[in-house]
Every structure is written in structure tokens, then in C-alpha cells.
Amino acid sequence: KTNEGKLSITQVTDEVTVTITEHSGSATYDGTEHIVTGYDVTKISNSLYKASDFTFNGKAEVKRTDAGSYNMELKAADFTNNNTNFAKVTFKIEDGKLTISPRPVTLTSETASKVYDGTPLTRPDVTITGDGFVKGEAIAKATGSVTNVSESPVTNTIEIEKAAAYKDSNYQIKKNEGELSITPVTDEVTVTITEH
């Protein structure tokens, strides 16, 4: 008489944690759409469990145009355990982001002075440095004007003419505004009075 034993395999009942890390990316606002895709499996708590044991059913993608910080927003429910040898598999999501920084622009208007001649002094041109405006979104001009001698200079104020696509949040603008002034006539002025 023999006693024949039976072999069986039971499920792993300990929780297996799979850490999913979304990809990240960064850019500076340029008026075009930026995109970040994909993720990495960065850690699995049980060496017997493999990345091939689950499937992904979501969309690992984030795309935006405007400046800001955007999460890919993957969810644990986007991942499905296909290995029946593991009773409890938990998917932990670590956020990745698409970060679009505001576009740096420096605007500088001129400083100028002239001797009084009865006509206005203006300097409408503005020097644009940094990354500048995205083409078609905005232009800048200086609107300062002075005609007469004054105790203090007049600010050569910078104004931005904005198109419909322009958004303040997409730009980081610094203004260096010049000054305009009129100085007195220093040449001797002779007034001749003739009696009647």
C-alpha cells in the first residue's frame, strides 16, 4: 500500500505593489502644443511579479499649449493584473508633469532730450530682448511725449498692443521705461522794441 501525496500551488496573498512613474517634460511657451507621453515601471515589491503580468488600458499622454503645470493623470484603474497567481496587486501612480514656463520678454524704451523748439519730442521705438513675443501675438510701442520745458522728465511709457491669441499668463514681461525731457534755449534771445 502506498500513500501518494498531491502537489498544489496557492496564490500569493501578500499585497504586491507596482509603482508607475509618469514621464515629465518642460518647455517655454512658444505658441505651439507641447506633449509628454509614456511612463516607467520604477518598482515592483515582489520579484516574482513582472511588468509583463499586467496590461495598461489608458492613455499615457498630456499635451498643452499655454504656460502652466499639467499632470498626466494616470489612474490605478488604467492597469489590469493578468497573473492569477497573485491575489492582490496594487498600482501606485507617481505623478509626472508637463511644465510650460512663461516666455521671458524685456521691453526697453528710449531716453532722449532736446532743446526746446516748439515741437513734441517722441521716441516710439521699443527694443525687445529675451525671447520676444510669439509672432502675431503682440507688438510694443512707446507713447511718451513732451513739448515744453518741465521740472522733471516725462516717462516714455511702453504700451503693448495685444492680438486675440495673447494671454498675460504666457509671458513674463519686464519693462525698462526711458525718460524724455526738454531743456531751455540757452542762446541769447534779443527782443527789439520800436516805439510808435
C-alpha atoms as a PDB file:
ATOM      1  CA  LYS A   1       0.000   0.000   0.000  1.00  0.00           C
ATOM      2  CA  THR A   2       1.345   3.427  -0.954  1.00  0.00           C
ATOM      3  CA  ASN A   3       0.347   6.934   0.113  1.00  0.00           C
ATOM      4  CA  GLU A   4       0.518   9.245  -2.846  1.00  0.00           C
ATOM      5  CA  GLY A   5       0.728  12.940  -1.945  1.00  0.00           C
ATOM      6  CA  LYS A   6      -0.762  15.729  -4.021  1.00  0.00           C
ATOM      7  CA  LEU A   7       1.046  18.892  -5.029  1.00  0.00           C
ATOM      8  CA  SER A   8      -0.688  22.257  -5.254  1.00  0.00           C
ATOM      9  CA  ILE A   9       0.265  25.894  -5.709  1.00  0.00           C
ATOM     10  CA  THR A  10      -1.527  28.556  -3.768  1.00  0.00           C
ATOM     11  CA  GLN A  11      -1.878  32.202  -4.667  1.00  0.00           C
ATOM     12  CA  VAL A  12       0.482  34.797  -3.267  1.00  0.00           C
ATOM     13  CA  THR A  13      -1.765  36.566  -0.786  1.00  0.00           C
ATOM     14  CA  ASP A  14       0.633  39.326   0.212  1.00  0.00           C
ATOM     15  CA  GLU A  15      -0.049  42.611  -1.498  1.00  0.00           C
ATOM     16  CA  VAL A  16       2.164  43.296  -4.495  1.00  0.00           C
ATOM     17  CA  THR A  17       2.719  46.980  -5.171  1.00  0.00           C
ATOM     18  CA  VAL A  18       3.673  48.133  -8.655  1.00  0.00           C
ATOM     19  CA  THR A  19       4.957  51.710  -8.812  1.00  0.00           C
ATOM     20  CA  ILE A  20       4.247  53.538 -12.050  1.00  0.00           C
ATOM     21  CA  THR A  21       6.092  56.829 -12.646  1.00  0.00           C
ATOM     22  CA  GLU A  22       4.660  59.115 -15.304  1.00  0.00           C
ATOM     23  CA  HIS A  23       7.128  60.809 -17.639  1.00  0.00           C
ATOM     24  CA  SER A  24       7.768  64.533 -17.242  1.00  0.00           C
ATOM     25  CA  GLY A  25       8.863  67.307 -19.587  1.00  0.00           C
ATOM     26  CA  SER A  26       9.334  71.044 -19.730  1.00  0.00           C
ATOM     27  CA  ALA A  27       9.297  73.816 -22.335  1.00  0.00           C
ATOM     28  CA  THR A  28       8.981  77.575 -22.680  1.00  0.00           C
ATOM     29  CA  TYR A  29       5.748  78.959 -24.115  1.00  0.00           C
ATOM     30  CA  ASP A  30       6.090  79.408 -27.876  1.00  0.00           C
ATOM     31  CA  GLY A  31       2.508  79.280 -29.120  1.00  0.00           C
ATOM     32  CA  THR A  32       2.725  75.626 -30.170  1.00  0.00           C
ATOM     33  CA  GLU A  33       1.452  72.485 -28.487  1.00  0.00           C
ATOM     34  CA  HIS A  34       3.881  70.504 -26.308  1.00  0.00           C
ATOM     35  CA  ILE A  35       3.415  66.872 -25.387  1.00  0.00           C
ATOM     36  CA  VAL A  36       4.730  64.324 -22.874  1.00  0.00           C
ATOM     37  CA  THR A  37       3.946  60.629 -23.262  1.00  0.00           C
ATOM     38  CA  GLY A  38       4.657  57.355 -21.506  1.00  0.00           C
ATOM     39  CA  TYR A  39       5.554  56.025 -18.086  1.00  0.00           C
ATOM     40  CA  ASP A  40       8.129  53.776 -16.397  1.00  0.00           C
ATOM     41  CA  VAL A  41       7.627  50.823 -14.076  1.00  0.00           C
ATOM     42  CA  THR A  42      10.017  52.034 -11.367  1.00  0.00           C
ATOM     43  CA  LYS A  43       9.439  49.436  -8.644  1.00  0.00           C
ATOM     44  CA  ILE A  44       7.688  46.092  -8.040  1.00  0.00           C
ATOM     45  CA  SER A  45       7.574  44.937  -4.421  1.00  0.00           C
ATOM     46  CA  ASN A  46       7.739  41.189  -5.267  1.00  0.00           C
ATOM     47  CA  SER A  47      10.485  39.925  -7.604  1.00  0.00           C
ATOM     48  CA  LEU A  48       8.217  37.131  -8.876  1.00  0.00           C
ATOM     49  CA  TYR A  49       5.822  39.652 -10.358  1.00  0.00           C
ATOM     50  CA  LYS A  50       6.861  41.109 -13.708  1.00  0.00           C
ATOM     51  CA  ALA A  51       5.845  44.095 -15.803  1.00  0.00           C
ATOM     52  CA  SER A  52       4.517  41.610 -18.365  1.00  0.00           C
ATOM     53  CA  ASP A  53       1.969  40.405 -15.795  1.00  0.00           C
ATOM     54  CA  PHE A  54      -0.280  43.444 -16.255  1.00  0.00           C
ATOM     55  CA  THR A  55      -1.748  45.456 -19.097  1.00  0.00           C
ATOM     56  CA  PHE A  56      -2.318  49.192 -19.484  1.00  0.00           C
ATOM     57  CA  ASN A  57      -5.676  50.325 -20.838  1.00  0.00           C
ATOM     58  CA  GLY A  58      -5.409  54.102 -20.557  1.00  0.00           C
ATOM     59  CA  LYS A  59      -3.651  56.887 -22.436  1.00  0.00           C
ATOM     60  CA  ALA A  60      -0.271  57.983 -21.089  1.00  0.00           C
ATOM     61  CA  GLU A  61      -0.246  61.457 -22.556  1.00  0.00           C
ATOM     62  CA  VAL A  62      -0.542  65.098 -21.599  1.00  0.00           C
ATOM     63  CA  LYS A  63      -0.449  67.928 -24.120  1.00  0.00           C
ATOM     64  CA  ARG A  64      -0.938  71.658 -23.699  1.00  0.00           C
ATOM     65  CA  THR A  65      -0.044  74.980 -25.321  1.00  0.00           C
ATOM     66  CA  ASP A  66      -0.401  77.622 -22.602  1.00  0.00           C
ATOM     67  CA  ALA A  67       2.022  78.196 -19.744  1.00  0.00           C
ATOM     68  CA  GLY A  68       1.299  76.140 -16.631  1.00  0.00           C
ATOM     69  CA  SER A  69       1.926  72.799 -14.933  1.00  0.00           C
ATOM     70  CA  TYR A  70      -0.133  69.825 -16.109  1.00  0.00           C
ATOM     71  CA  ASN A  71      -0.387  66.301 -14.642  1.00  0.00           C
ATOM     72  CA  MET A  72      -0.689  63.288 -16.940  1.00  0.00           C
ATOM     73  CA  GLU A  73      -3.398  61.964 -14.576  1.00  0.00           C
ATOM     74  CA  LEU A  74      -2.954  58.215 -14.949  1.00  0.00           C
ATOM     75  CA  LYS A  75      -5.156  56.174 -12.615  1.00  0.00           C
ATOM     76  CA  ALA A  76      -4.654  52.815 -10.911  1.00  0.00           C
ATOM     77  CA  ALA A  77      -7.782  51.621 -12.714  1.00  0.00           C
ATOM     78  CA  ASP A  78      -5.924  52.044 -16.027  1.00  0.00           C
ATOM     79  CA  PHE A  79      -3.810  48.980 -15.125  1.00  0.00           C
ATOM     80  CA  THR A  80      -5.094  45.381 -15.010  1.00  0.00           C
ATOM     81  CA  ASN A  81      -3.407  42.430 -13.304  1.00  0.00           C
ATOM     82  CA  ASN A  82      -3.395  39.377 -15.595  1.00  0.00           C
ATOM     83  CA  ASN A  83      -1.440  36.998 -13.351  1.00  0.00           C
ATOM     84  CA  THR A  84      -3.882  34.841 -11.347  1.00  0.00           C
ATOM     85  CA  ASN A  85      -1.056  33.611  -9.110  1.00  0.00           C
ATOM     86  CA  PHE A  86      -1.215  36.926  -7.224  1.00  0.00           C
ATOM     87  CA  ALA A  87      -4.328  37.626  -5.190  1.00  0.00           C
ATOM     88  CA  LYS A  88      -3.782  41.349  -4.615  1.00  0.00           C
ATOM     89  CA  VAL A  89      -1.880  43.663  -6.925  1.00  0.00           C
ATOM     90  CA  THR A  90      -1.963  47.403  -6.245  1.00  0.00           C
ATOM     91  CA  PHE A  91      -0.808  50.010  -8.727  1.00  0.00           C
ATOM     92  CA  LYS A  92       0.709  53.143  -7.230  1.00  0.00           C
ATOM     93  CA  ILE A  93       0.966  56.187  -9.502  1.00  0.00           C
ATOM     94  CA  GLU A  94       3.715  58.780  -9.099  1.00  0.00           C
ATOM     95  CA  ASP A  95       2.815  61.959 -10.901  1.00  0.00           C
ATOM     96  CA  GLY A  96       4.777  63.299 -13.835  1.00  0.00           C
ATOM     97  CA  LYS A  97       4.117  66.738 -15.260  1.00  0.00           C
ATOM     98  CA  LEU A  98       4.344  68.809 -18.377  1.00  0.00           C
ATOM     99  CA  THR A  99       5.610  72.214 -17.290  1.00  0.00           C
ATOM    100  CA  ILE A 100       5.411  75.134 -19.726  1.00  0.00           C
ATOM    101  CA  SER A 101       7.149  78.251 -18.462  1.00  0.00           C
ATOM    102  CA  PRO A 102       6.035  81.801 -19.317  1.00  0.00           C
ATOM    103  CA  ARG A 103       8.030  83.391 -22.126  1.00  0.00           C
ATOM    104  CA  PRO A 104      10.524  86.000 -20.845  1.00  0.00           C
ATOM    105  CA  VAL A 105      10.345  89.365 -22.636  1.00  0.00           C
ATOM    106  CA  THR A 106      12.191  92.587 -21.778  1.00  0.00           C
ATOM    107  CA  LEU A 107      10.912  95.839 -23.270  1.00  0.00           C
ATOM    108  CA  THR A 108      13.090  98.958 -23.260  1.00  0.00           C
ATOM    109  CA  SER A 109      12.026 102.426 -24.403  1.00  0.00           C
ATOM    110  CA  GLU A 110      14.482 105.201 -25.235  1.00  0.00           C
ATOM    111  CA  THR A 111      15.704 108.048 -23.079  1.00  0.00           C
ATOM    112  CA  ALA A 112      16.142 111.310 -25.011  1.00  0.00           C
ATOM    113  CA  SER A 113      16.403 115.052 -24.569  1.00  0.00           C
ATOM    114  CA  LYS A 114      16.431 118.092 -26.829  1.00  0.00           C
ATOM    115  CA  VAL A 115      16.459 121.873 -26.637  1.00  0.00           C
ATOM    116  CA  TYR A 116      13.015 123.477 -26.813  1.00  0.00           C
ATOM    117  CA  ASP A 117      11.916 124.099 -30.406  1.00  0.00           C
ATOM    118  CA  GLY A 118       8.135 124.110 -30.060  1.00  0.00           C
ATOM    119  CA  THR A 119       7.647 120.571 -31.427  1.00  0.00           C
ATOM    120  CA  PRO A 120       6.978 117.384 -29.416  1.00  0.00           C
ATOM    121  CA  LEU A 121       9.793 115.011 -28.502  1.00  0.00           C
ATOM    122  CA  THR A 122       8.787 111.371 -29.002  1.00  0.00           C
ATOM    123  CA  ARG A 123      10.690 108.109 -29.248  1.00  0.00           C
ATOM    124  CA  PRO A 124       8.106 105.406 -30.132  1.00  0.00           C
ATOM    125  CA  ASP A 125      10.525 102.548 -30.859  1.00  0.00           C
ATOM    126  CA  VAL A 126      10.866  99.806 -28.243  1.00  0.00           C
ATOM    127  CA  THR A 127      13.791  97.399 -28.054  1.00  0.00           C
ATOM    128  CA  ILE A 128      12.633  93.828 -27.401  1.00  0.00           C
ATOM    129  CA  THR A 129      15.039  91.330 -25.854  1.00  0.00           C
ATOM    130  CA  GLY A 130      14.705  87.971 -24.125  1.00  0.00           C
ATOM    131  CA  ASP A 131      12.636  85.500 -26.139  1.00  0.00           C
ATOM    132  CA  GLY A 132      10.377  88.221 -27.574  1.00  0.00           C
ATOM    133  CA  PHE A 133       6.695  87.896 -28.398  1.00  0.00           C
ATOM    134  CA  VAL A 134       5.379  84.926 -30.354  1.00  0.00           C
ATOM    135  CA  LYS A 135       4.832  86.157 -33.897  1.00  0.00           C
ATOM    136  CA  GLY A 136       1.438  87.786 -34.350  1.00  0.00           C
ATOM    137  CA  GLU A 137       0.517  87.896 -30.648  1.00  0.00           C
ATOM    138  CA  ALA A 138       1.673  91.388 -29.667  1.00  0.00           C
ATOM    139  CA  ILE A 139       3.707  94.463 -30.535  1.00  0.00           C
ATOM    140  CA  ALA A 140       5.072  97.180 -28.253  1.00  0.00           C
ATOM    141  CA  LYS A 141       5.422 100.927 -28.700  1.00  0.00           C
ATOM    142  CA  ALA A 142       6.408 103.854 -26.520  1.00  0.00           C
ATOM    143  CA  THR A 143       3.859 106.639 -26.133  1.00  0.00           C
ATOM    144  CA  GLY A 144       5.768 109.250 -24.126  1.00  0.00           C
ATOM    145  CA  SER A 145       5.668 112.813 -25.487  1.00  0.00           C
ATOM    146  CA  VAL A 146       6.904 116.179 -24.199  1.00  0.00           C
ATOM    147  CA  THR A 147       6.867 119.618 -25.849  1.00  0.00           C
ATOM    148  CA  ASN A 148       7.681 122.167 -23.145  1.00  0.00           C
ATOM    149  CA  VAL A 149      10.414 122.531 -20.560  1.00  0.00           C
ATOM    150  CA  SER A 150       9.325 120.870 -17.318  1.00  0.00           C
ATOM    151  CA  GLU A 151      10.837 120.435 -13.875  1.00  0.00           C
ATOM    152  CA  SER A 152      11.022 116.625 -14.225  1.00  0.00           C
ATOM    153  CA  PRO A 153      11.343 114.294 -17.241  1.00  0.00           C
ATOM    154  CA  VAL A 154       8.316 112.577 -18.777  1.00  0.00           C
ATOM    155  CA  THR A 155       8.249 108.763 -18.702  1.00  0.00           C
ATOM    156  CA  ASN A 156       8.463 107.192 -22.155  1.00  0.00           C
ATOM    157  CA  THR A 157       5.612 104.808 -21.328  1.00  0.00           C
ATOM    158  CA  ILE A 158       5.552 101.382 -23.009  1.00  0.00           C
ATOM    159  CA  GLU A 159       2.208 100.050 -24.213  1.00  0.00           C
ATOM    160  CA  ILE A 160       1.544  96.553 -25.562  1.00  0.00           C
ATOM    161  CA  GLU A 161      -0.929  96.087 -28.403  1.00  0.00           C
ATOM    162  CA  LYS A 162      -2.338  92.579 -27.937  1.00  0.00           C
ATOM    163  CA  ALA A 163      -3.871  90.277 -30.548  1.00  0.00           C
ATOM    164  CA  ALA A 164      -6.722  87.897 -29.699  1.00  0.00           C
ATOM    165  CA  ALA A 165      -4.307  84.995 -29.097  1.00  0.00           C
ATOM    166  CA  TYR A 166      -2.317  86.906 -26.467  1.00  0.00           C
ATOM    167  CA  LYS A 167      -2.596  85.850 -22.805  1.00  0.00           C
ATOM    168  CA  ASP A 168      -0.828  87.663 -19.969  1.00  0.00           C
ATOM    169  CA  SER A 169      -0.119  84.351 -18.204  1.00  0.00           C
ATOM    170  CA  ASN A 170       2.002  83.147 -21.142  1.00  0.00           C
ATOM    171  CA  TYR A 171       4.536  85.951 -20.715  1.00  0.00           C
ATOM    172  CA  GLN A 172       6.893  87.225 -18.051  1.00  0.00           C
ATOM    173  CA  ILE A 173       7.374  90.856 -19.045  1.00  0.00           C
ATOM    174  CA  LYS A 174       9.889  93.321 -17.692  1.00  0.00           C
ATOM    175  CA  LYS A 175       9.706  96.990 -18.711  1.00  0.00           C
ATOM    176  CA  ASN A 176      12.621  99.419 -18.718  1.00  0.00           C
ATOM    177  CA  GLU A 177      10.989 102.755 -19.478  1.00  0.00           C
ATOM    178  CA  GLY A 178      13.145 105.679 -20.550  1.00  0.00           C
ATOM    179  CA  GLU A 179      12.596 109.402 -19.929  1.00  0.00           C
ATOM    180  CA  LEU A 180      12.010 112.331 -22.268  1.00  0.00           C
ATOM    181  CA  SER A 181      12.910 115.908 -21.431  1.00  0.00           C
ATOM    182  CA  ILE A 182      13.046 119.372 -22.985  1.00  0.00           C
ATOM    183  CA  THR A 183      15.834 121.759 -21.970  1.00  0.00           C
ATOM    184  CA  PRO A 184      15.605 125.557 -22.114  1.00  0.00           C
ATOM    185  CA  VAL A 185      17.020 127.564 -25.006  1.00  0.00           C
ATOM    186  CA  THR A 186      20.377 128.888 -23.802  1.00  0.00           C
ATOM    187  CA  ASP A 187      21.191 131.104 -26.780  1.00  0.00           C
ATOM    188  CA  GLU A 188      20.671 134.794 -26.076  1.00  0.00           C
ATOM    189  CA  VAL A 189      17.306 135.995 -27.296  1.00  0.00           C
ATOM    190  CA  THR A 190      17.173 139.672 -28.296  1.00  0.00           C
ATOM    191  CA  VAL A 191      13.812 141.403 -28.447  1.00  0.00           C
ATOM    192  CA  THR A 192      13.843 144.726 -30.283  1.00  0.00           C
ATOM    193  CA  ILE A 193      11.162 147.223 -29.192  1.00  0.00           C
ATOM    194  CA  THR A 194      10.334 150.037 -31.608  1.00  0.00           C
ATOM    195  CA  GLU A 195       8.393 152.937 -30.121  1.00  0.00           C
ATOM    196  CA  HIS A 196       5.446 154.311 -32.115  1.00  0.00           C
END
